[in-house]
Amino acid sequence: MFSGVYLQTLFRKVLREKEPKTSYYDIIKELARVAVVQLEIAKKKYLVRTEIRGLAAAWLLKLWVNKYRLML
């Protein structure tokens, strides 16, 4: 329970800093509609989202691009 609250708080903080006009609830609502599949790789199980759309996709893409641009 504590880790969930911590992650939610951290996500909201990053969202406010990076995209202040983007609604946290809109992103969570869109993520809630995403299908998830379980994959097993090298005897480890992972949950993987099959599709992300809308504000959630745009925000996650920006986050990914910024992360890897900083690593170049």
PDB file of N, CA and C in Angstrom:
ATOM      1  N   MET A   1       0.829  -1.194   0.000  1.00  0.00           N
ATOM      2  CA  MET A   1       0.000   0.000   0.000  1.00  0.00           C
ATOM      3  C   MET A   1       0.869   1.252   0.000  1.00  0.00           C
ATOM      4  N   PHE A   2       1.880   1.280   0.870  1.00  0.00           N
ATOM      5  CA  PHE A   2       2.735   2.459   0.951  1.00  0.00           C
ATOM      6  C   PHE A   2       3.425   2.741  -0.370  1.00  0.00           C
ATOM      7  N   SER A   3       3.935   1.688  -1.042  1.00  0.00           N
ATOM      8  CA  SER A   3       4.646   1.903  -2.307  1.00  0.00           C
ATOM      9  C   SER A   3       3.716   2.466  -3.373  1.00  0.00           C
ATOM     10  N   GLY A   4       2.446   2.062  -3.361  1.00  0.00           N
ATOM     11  CA  GLY A   4       1.480   2.604  -4.313  1.00  0.00           C
ATOM     12  C   GLY A   4       1.238   4.085  -4.093  1.00  0.00           C
ATOM     13  N   VAL A   5       1.095   4.490  -2.853  1.00  0.00           N
ATOM     14  CA  VAL A   5       0.899   5.907  -2.525  1.00  0.00           C
ATOM     15  C   VAL A   5       2.142   6.703  -2.891  1.00  0.00           C
ATOM     16  N   TYR A   6       3.308   6.144  -2.612  1.00  0.00           N
ATOM     17  CA  TYR A   6       4.566   6.815  -2.943  1.00  0.00           C
ATOM     18  C   TYR A   6       4.691   7.011  -4.454  1.00  0.00           C
ATOM     19  N   LEU A   7       4.404   5.958  -5.235  1.00  0.00           N
ATOM     20  CA  LEU A   7       4.505   6.063  -6.691  1.00  0.00           C
ATOM     21  C   LEU A   7       3.508   7.065  -7.251  1.00  0.00           C
ATOM     22  N   GLN A   8       2.292   7.076  -6.706  1.00  0.00           N
ATOM     23  CA  GLN A   8       1.289   8.036  -7.165  1.00  0.00           C
ATOM     24  C   GLN A   8       1.754   9.459  -6.876  1.00  0.00           C
ATOM     25  N   THR A   9       2.284   9.702  -5.699  1.00  0.00           N
ATOM     26  CA  THR A   9       2.777  11.029  -5.329  1.00  0.00           C
ATOM     27  C   THR A   9       3.935  11.446  -6.221  1.00  0.00           C
ATOM     28  N   LEU A  10       4.850  10.533  -6.471  1.00  0.00           N
ATOM     29  CA  LEU A  10       5.992  10.818  -7.336  1.00  0.00           C
ATOM     30  C   LEU A  10       5.533  11.115  -8.762  1.00  0.00           C
ATOM     31  N   PHE A  11       4.589  10.325  -9.276  1.00  0.00           N
ATOM     32  CA  PHE A  11       4.060  10.536 -10.620  1.00  0.00           C
ATOM     33  C   PHE A  11       3.395  11.906 -10.736  1.00  0.00           C
ATOM     34  N   ARG A  12       2.590  12.273  -9.751  1.00  0.00           N
ATOM     35  CA  ARG A  12       1.937  13.593  -9.769  1.00  0.00           C
ATOM     36  C   ARG A  12       2.964  14.718  -9.748  1.00  0.00           C
ATOM     37  N   LYS A  13       4.017  14.570  -8.948  1.00  0.00           N
ATOM     38  CA  LYS A  13       5.056  15.597  -8.854  1.00  0.00           C
ATOM     39  C   LYS A  13       5.759  15.783 -10.194  1.00  0.00           C
ATOM     40  N   VAL A  14       6.151  14.677 -10.810  1.00  0.00           N
ATOM     41  CA  VAL A  14       6.827  14.752 -12.107  1.00  0.00           C
ATOM     42  C   VAL A  14       5.895  15.344 -13.157  1.00  0.00           C
ATOM     43  N   LEU A  15       4.644  14.943 -13.148  1.00  0.00           N
ATOM     44  CA  LEU A  15       3.672  15.472 -14.102  1.00  0.00           C
ATOM     45  C   LEU A  15       3.499  16.975 -13.932  1.00  0.00           C
ATOM     46  N   ARG A  16       3.402  17.451 -12.693  1.00  0.00           N
ATOM     47  CA  ARG A  16       3.264  18.900 -12.445  1.00  0.00           C
ATOM     48  C   ARG A  16       4.480  19.663 -12.947  1.00  0.00           C
ATOM     49  N   GLU A  17       5.674  19.084 -12.763  1.00  0.00           N
ATOM     50  CA  GLU A  17       6.904  19.755 -13.187  1.00  0.00           C
ATOM     51  C   GLU A  17       7.061  19.760 -14.700  1.00  0.00           C
ATOM     52  N   LYS A  18       6.774  18.638 -15.345  1.00  0.00           N
ATOM     53  CA  LYS A  18       7.029  18.487 -16.779  1.00  0.00           C
ATOM     54  C   LYS A  18       5.872  18.964 -17.647  1.00  0.00           C
ATOM     55  N   GLU A  19       4.653  18.681 -17.241  1.00  0.00           N
ATOM     56  CA  GLU A  19       3.462  18.994 -18.036  1.00  0.00           C
ATOM     57  C   GLU A  19       2.366  19.559 -17.134  1.00  0.00           C
ATOM     58  N   PRO A  20       2.506  20.791 -16.675  1.00  0.00           N
ATOM     59  CA  PRO A  20       1.537  21.330 -15.716  1.00  0.00           C
ATOM     60  C   PRO A  20       0.103  21.434 -16.249  1.00  0.00           C
ATOM     61  N   LYS A  21      -0.067  21.490 -17.561  1.00  0.00           N
ATOM     62  CA  LYS A  21      -1.418  21.612 -18.122  1.00  0.00           C
ATOM     63  C   LYS A  21      -2.091  20.260 -18.331  1.00  0.00           C
ATOM     64  N   THR A  22      -1.344  19.182 -18.177  1.00  0.00           N
ATOM     65  CA  THR A  22      -1.890  17.845 -18.389  1.00  0.00           C
ATOM     66  C   THR A  22      -2.544  17.347 -17.107  1.00  0.00           C
ATOM     67  N   SER A  23      -3.725  16.776 -17.251  1.00  0.00           N
ATOM     68  CA  SER A  23      -4.486  16.297 -16.101  1.00  0.00           C
ATOM     69  C   SER A  23      -4.039  14.893 -15.687  1.00  0.00           C
ATOM     70  N   TYR A  24      -3.697  14.750 -14.430  1.00  0.00           N
ATOM     71  CA  TYR A  24      -3.322  13.445 -13.866  1.00  0.00           C
ATOM     72  C   TYR A  24      -4.464  12.446 -14.050  1.00  0.00           C
ATOM     73  N   TYR A  25      -5.687  12.875 -13.781  1.00  0.00           N
ATOM     74  CA  TYR A  25      -6.833  11.972 -13.850  1.00  0.00           C
ATOM     75  C   TYR A  25      -7.125  11.531 -15.277  1.00  0.00           C
ATOM     76  N   ASP A  26      -6.907  12.405 -16.271  1.00  0.00           N
ATOM     77  CA  ASP A  26      -7.101  12.006 -17.666  1.00  0.00           C
ATOM     78  C   ASP A  26      -6.112  10.918 -18.062  1.00  0.00           C
ATOM     79  N   ILE A  27      -4.873  11.054 -17.626  1.00  0.00           N
ATOM     80  CA  ILE A  27      -3.868  10.038 -17.947  1.00  0.00           C
ATOM     81  C   ILE A  27      -4.204   8.717 -17.265  1.00  0.00           C
ATOM     82  N   ILE A  28      -4.567   8.764 -15.995  1.00  0.00           N
ATOM     83  CA  ILE A  28      -4.911   7.535 -15.269  1.00  0.00           C
ATOM     84  C   ILE A  28      -6.141   6.874 -15.884  1.00  0.00           C
ATOM     85  N   LYS A  29      -7.128   7.671 -16.284  1.00  0.00           N
ATOM     86  CA  LYS A  29      -8.337   7.129 -16.909  1.00  0.00           C
ATOM     87  C   LYS A  29      -7.983   6.393 -18.201  1.00  0.00           C
ATOM     88  N   GLU A  30      -7.096   6.976 -19.011  1.00  0.00           N
ATOM     89  CA  GLU A  30      -6.695   6.326 -20.254  1.00  0.00           C
ATOM     90  C   GLU A  30      -5.856   5.080 -19.988  1.00  0.00           C
ATOM     91  N   LEU A  31      -4.993   5.130 -18.987  1.00  0.00           N
ATOM     92  CA  LEU A  31      -4.193   3.951 -18.649  1.00  0.00           C
ATOM     93  C   LEU A  31      -5.065   2.813 -18.135  1.00  0.00           C
ATOM     94  N   ALA A  32      -6.179   3.141 -17.487  1.00  0.00           N
ATOM     95  CA  ALA A  32      -7.070   2.119 -16.947  1.00  0.00           C
ATOM     96  C   ALA A  32      -7.736   1.307 -18.053  1.00  0.00           C
ATOM     97  N   ARG A  33      -7.822   1.881 -19.247  1.00  0.00           N
ATOM     98  CA  ARG A  33      -8.457   1.184 -20.365  1.00  0.00           C
ATOM     99  C   ARG A  33      -7.473   0.317 -21.155  1.00  0.00           C
ATOM    100  N   VAL A  34      -6.239   0.320 -20.769  1.00  0.00           N
ATOM    101  CA  VAL A  34      -5.207  -0.401 -21.507  1.00  0.00           C
ATOM    102  C   VAL A  34      -5.226  -1.877 -21.131  1.00  0.00           C
ATOM    103  N   ALA A  35      -5.096  -2.739 -22.137  1.00  0.00           N
ATOM    104  CA  ALA A  35      -5.026  -4.172 -21.871  1.00  0.00           C
ATOM    105  C   ALA A  35      -3.617  -4.541 -21.418  1.00  0.00           C
ATOM    106  N   VAL A  36      -3.532  -5.565 -20.600  1.00  0.00           N
ATOM    107  CA  VAL A  36      -2.245  -6.018 -20.080  1.00  0.00           C
ATOM    108  C   VAL A  36      -2.126  -7.518 -20.333  1.00  0.00           C
ATOM    109  N   VAL A  37      -0.937  -7.934 -20.731  1.00  0.00           N
ATOM    110  CA  VAL A  37      -0.664  -9.360 -20.892  1.00  0.00           C
ATOM    111  C   VAL A  37       0.509  -9.735 -20.002  1.00  0.00           C
ATOM    112  N   GLN A  38       0.555 -10.997 -19.626  1.00  0.00           N
ATOM    113  CA  GLN A  38       1.669 -11.475 -18.803  1.00  0.00           C
ATOM    114  C   GLN A  38       2.625 -12.257 -19.696  1.00  0.00           C
ATOM    115  N   LEU A  39       3.893 -11.876 -19.672  1.00  0.00           N
ATOM    116  CA  LEU A  39       4.935 -12.571 -20.424  1.00  0.00           C
ATOM    117  C   LEU A  39       5.882 -13.242 -19.452  1.00  0.00           C
ATOM    118  N   GLU A  40       6.401 -14.382 -19.875  1.00  0.00           N
ATOM    119  CA  GLU A  40       7.420 -15.046 -19.066  1.00  0.00           C
ATOM    120  C   GLU A  40       8.693 -15.117 -19.897  1.00  0.00           C
ATOM    121  N   ILE A  41       9.750 -14.487 -19.407  1.00  0.00           N
ATOM    122  CA  ILE A  41      11.037 -14.451 -20.096  1.00  0.00           C
ATOM    123  C   ILE A  41      12.095 -14.899 -19.105  1.00  0.00           C
ATOM    124  N   ALA A  42      12.846 -15.909 -19.489  1.00  0.00           N
ATOM    125  CA  ALA A  42      13.903 -16.450 -18.630  1.00  0.00           C
ATOM    126  C   ALA A  42      13.375 -16.773 -17.230  1.00  0.00           C
ATOM    127  N   LYS A  43      12.224 -17.416 -17.193  1.00  0.00           N
ATOM    128  CA  LYS A  43      11.575 -17.854 -15.952  1.00  0.00           C
ATOM    129  C   LYS A  43      11.160 -16.708 -15.030  1.00  0.00           C
ATOM    130  N   LYS A  44      11.099 -15.492 -15.574  1.00  0.00           N
ATOM    131  CA  LYS A  44      10.579 -14.347 -14.818  1.00  0.00           C
ATOM    132  C   LYS A  44       9.314 -13.868 -15.506  1.00  0.00           C
ATOM    133  N   LYS A  45       8.314 -13.505 -14.699  1.00  0.00           N
ATOM    134  CA  LYS A  45       7.040 -13.059 -15.252  1.00  0.00           C
ATOM    135  C   LYS A  45       6.965 -11.538 -15.235  1.00  0.00           C
ATOM    136  N   TYR A  46       6.457 -10.982 -16.329  1.00  0.00           N
ATOM    137  CA  TYR A  46       6.314  -9.535 -16.475  1.00  0.00           C
ATOM    138  C   TYR A  46       4.911  -9.219 -16.968  1.00  0.00           C
ATOM    139  N   LEU A  47       4.346  -8.121 -16.471  1.00  0.00           N
ATOM    140  CA  LEU A  47       3.096  -7.604 -17.009  1.00  0.00           C
ATOM    141  C   LEU A  47       3.452  -6.505 -17.997  1.00  0.00           C
ATOM    142  N   VAL A  48       2.886  -6.600 -19.200  1.00  0.00           N
ATOM    143  CA  VAL A  48       3.224  -5.664 -20.266  1.00  0.00           C
ATOM    144  C   VAL A  48       1.948  -5.045 -20.811  1.00  0.00           C
ATOM    145  N   ARG A  49       1.941  -3.745 -20.939  1.00  0.00           N
ATOM    146  CA  ARG A  49       0.799  -3.060 -21.548  1.00  0.00           C
ATOM    147  C   ARG A  49       0.833  -3.299 -23.052  1.00  0.00           C
ATOM    148  N   THR A  50      -0.322  -3.576 -23.625  1.00  0.00           N
ATOM    149  CA  THR A  50      -0.368  -3.876 -25.051  1.00  0.00           C
ATOM    150  C   THR A  50      -0.591  -2.636 -25.899  1.00  0.00           C
ATOM    151  N   GLU A  51      -1.141  -1.579 -25.330  1.00  0.00           N
ATOM    152  CA  GLU A  51      -1.428  -0.385 -26.112  1.00  0.00           C
ATOM    153  C   GLU A  51      -1.647   0.796 -25.171  1.00  0.00           C
ATOM    154  N   ILE A  52      -1.095   1.924 -25.516  1.00  0.00           N
ATOM    155  CA  ILE A  52      -1.314   3.149 -24.749  1.00  0.00           C
ATOM    156  C   ILE A  52      -1.676   4.240 -25.746  1.00  0.00           C
ATOM    157  N   ARG A  53      -2.753   4.976 -25.473  1.00  0.00           N
ATOM    158  CA  ARG A  53      -3.235   6.002 -26.404  1.00  0.00           C
ATOM    159  C   ARG A  53      -3.421   7.339 -25.703  1.00  0.00           C
ATOM    160  N   GLY A  54      -3.721   8.363 -26.497  1.00  0.00           N
ATOM    161  CA  GLY A  54      -4.117   9.672 -25.989  1.00  0.00           C
ATOM    162  C   GLY A  54      -3.050  10.378 -25.182  1.00  0.00           C
ATOM    163  N   LEU A  55      -3.495  11.101 -24.145  1.00  0.00           N
ATOM    164  CA  LEU A  55      -2.587  11.881 -23.306  1.00  0.00           C
ATOM    165  C   LEU A  55      -1.531  11.009 -22.646  1.00  0.00           C
ATOM    166  N   ALA A  56      -1.922   9.813 -22.240  1.00  0.00           N
ATOM    167  CA  ALA A  56      -0.961   8.917 -21.590  1.00  0.00           C
ATOM    168  C   ALA A  56       0.168   8.566 -22.543  1.00  0.00           C
ATOM    169  N   ALA A  57      -0.158   8.263 -23.785  1.00  0.00           N
ATOM    170  CA  ALA A  57       0.868   7.915 -24.769  1.00  0.00           C
ATOM    171  C   ALA A  57       1.772   9.103 -25.048  1.00  0.00           C
ATOM    172  N   ALA A  58       1.182  10.270 -25.228  1.00  0.00           N
ATOM    173  CA  ALA A  58       1.976  11.468 -25.517  1.00  0.00           C
ATOM    174  C   ALA A  58       2.914  11.782 -24.363  1.00  0.00           C
ATOM    175  N   TRP A  59       2.408  11.703 -23.135  1.00  0.00           N
ATOM    176  CA  TRP A  59       3.233  12.031 -21.977  1.00  0.00           C
ATOM    177  C   TRP A  59       4.356  11.022 -21.792  1.00  0.00           C
ATOM    178  N   LEU A  60       4.053   9.734 -21.934  1.00  0.00           N
ATOM    179  CA  LEU A  60       5.079   8.704 -21.774  1.00  0.00           C
ATOM    180  C   LEU A  60       6.124   8.785 -22.882  1.00  0.00           C
ATOM    181  N   LEU A  61       5.698   9.127 -24.104  1.00  0.00           N
ATOM    182  CA  LEU A  61       6.652   9.283 -25.200  1.00  0.00           C
ATOM    183  C   LEU A  61       7.606  10.439 -24.921  1.00  0.00           C
ATOM    184  N   LYS A  62       7.075  11.559 -24.436  1.00  0.00           N
ATOM    185  CA  LYS A  62       7.933  12.702 -24.092  1.00  0.00           C
ATOM    186  C   LYS A  62       8.930  12.315 -23.008  1.00  0.00           C
ATOM    187  N   LEU A  63       8.458  11.595 -22.005  1.00  0.00           N
ATOM    188  CA  LEU A  63       9.324  11.170 -20.911  1.00  0.00           C
ATOM    189  C   LEU A  63      10.439  10.260 -21.430  1.00  0.00           C
ATOM    190  N   TRP A  64      10.087   9.320 -22.307  1.00  0.00           N
ATOM    191  CA  TRP A  64      11.060   8.393 -22.878  1.00  0.00           C
ATOM    192  C   TRP A  64      12.082   9.134 -23.733  1.00  0.00           C
ATOM    193  N   VAL A  65      11.616  10.040 -24.601  1.00  0.00           N
ATOM    194  CA  VAL A  65      12.523  10.802 -25.463  1.00  0.00           C
ATOM    195  C   VAL A  65      13.469  11.642 -24.625  1.00  0.00           C
ATOM    196  N   ASN A  66      12.951  12.324 -23.609  1.00  0.00           N
ATOM    197  CA  ASN A  66      13.803  13.153 -22.751  1.00  0.00           C
ATOM    198  C   ASN A  66      14.835  12.310 -22.015  1.00  0.00           C
ATOM    199  N   LYS A  67      14.438  11.138 -21.557  1.00  0.00           N
ATOM    200  CA  LYS A  67      15.367  10.263 -20.831  1.00  0.00           C
ATOM    201  C   LYS A  67      16.531   9.859 -21.728  1.00  0.00           C
ATOM    202  N   TYR A  68      16.228   9.422 -22.934  1.00  0.00           N
ATOM    203  CA  TYR A  68      17.292   8.925 -23.804  1.00  0.00           C
ATOM    204  C   TYR A  68      18.074  10.041 -24.475  1.00  0.00           C
ATOM    205  N   ARG A  69      17.486  11.202 -24.639  1.00  0.00           N
ATOM    206  CA  ARG A  69      18.234  12.336 -25.181  1.00  0.00           C
ATOM    207  C   ARG A  69      19.306  12.756 -24.180  1.00  0.00           C
ATOM    208  N   LEU A  70      18.982  12.694 -22.890  1.00  0.00           N
ATOM    209  CA  LEU A  70      19.958  13.043 -21.864  1.00  0.00           C
ATOM    210  C   LEU A  70      21.094  12.029 -21.804  1.00  0.00           C
ATOM    211  N   MET A  71      20.830  10.794 -22.207  1.00  0.00           N
ATOM    212  CA  MET A  71      21.851   9.753 -22.145  1.00  0.00           C
ATOM    213  C   MET A  71      22.805   9.804 -23.341  1.00  0.00           C
ATOM    214  N   LEU A  72      22.436  10.498 -24.420  1.00  0.00           N
ATOM    215  CA  LEU A  72      23.281  10.542 -25.627  1.00  0.00           C
ATOM    216  C   LEU A  72      24.520  11.368 -25.430  1.00  0.00           C
TER     217      LEU A  72
END
